[in-house]
Amino acid sequence: PVILMGPGPNKETGPNKETGPNKEMIPMKKKHILEKVYDPKPVEEKWSKFWIDEGLFVPRVPSSKKKFSMVLPPPNVTGSLHVGHALCFTLPDIIVRWRRMQGYNTLWLPGTDHASIAVHNVIEQSLAEKGLTREKVGREEFLKMAWDWKEKYGGIITHQLKRLGTSLDWTRERFTLDEGFSKAVSHVFIELYHEDLIYRDYYLVNRCPHCGTVLSDIEIEHKERKAKLYYIKYPLLNSEEIITVATTRPETMLGDTAVAVHPDDERYSKY
């Protein structure tokens, strides 16, 4: 497009001799026109790459600034992230950006979790679809499949976190089975044990008969169900009296040889 500059022609005198239209026809640069529909993808990719390339989320060392650091709760490499993860990661991202704006030397450490039992199960499901089991493929091949799974989904998760624009320091990304990381965890556990802050003892635990291993409380689903409670009357030796025991496992009656009671229970003090 062109634009006419100057007074231009006059109805009475005709074209201006000094600044006629032929002399002042100046081409203009094409102006950028906004898209009718905003496309966030190129904008987000541009600024995310800029932030990472410029190292804006890498803490300066050494620094006289106050320090502020957080660890990203590492997502499991059992699959890709969902909208719930986006919410959970947005909240700490707001906090660390706020501290950074306040002048703190900030670090938000990224990483992923091996989630051994969960990954174990999803790989077994994948094998089952092919008519295979972990016993058939063998230990070495199964472990190789586990590491391949981690590389695939760990990479997807990292890409998703970057696409979210999280202000993480990717130069320090960790995995919970990294050699140095595992040694650090073992070292801390040993120190806590020697300081009597943790202990090892016999305790009732949750056990998975399929996996052949114990499970933490957060790895099981509690379900309430209606069941029968049986009351069994055990006759006392050389007496007509009985002791009633409530149980959900009446089949043990066939092998029971004795009944134990609390010594301080007044109901049984005479025995």
Foldseek 3Di string as FASTA:
>chain_A
DWDFDDPEADPPPGGDPVRYRVNRGDDDDDDDDDDPDDDCQVVLVVVLVVCQVVVVLAFDPPDPFAEEEEEDPAAELLAEDDVVVLVVLVVVLVVQVVVVVVPHRYAYEAEHELPPVSLLVSVQVVQVVVVHGCVVCDDVSSVVVSVVSCVVSVVNHVVVCSSSVRSHRVVRYDYCPDPVNVVVVVVVVVVCVVVVVDDDDDDDFAADPVVGGTDHPVVDDDDDDDADKDWDWAADPPDRHTDIDIDRCVVCVVVDDDDDDDCPPPVPVVD
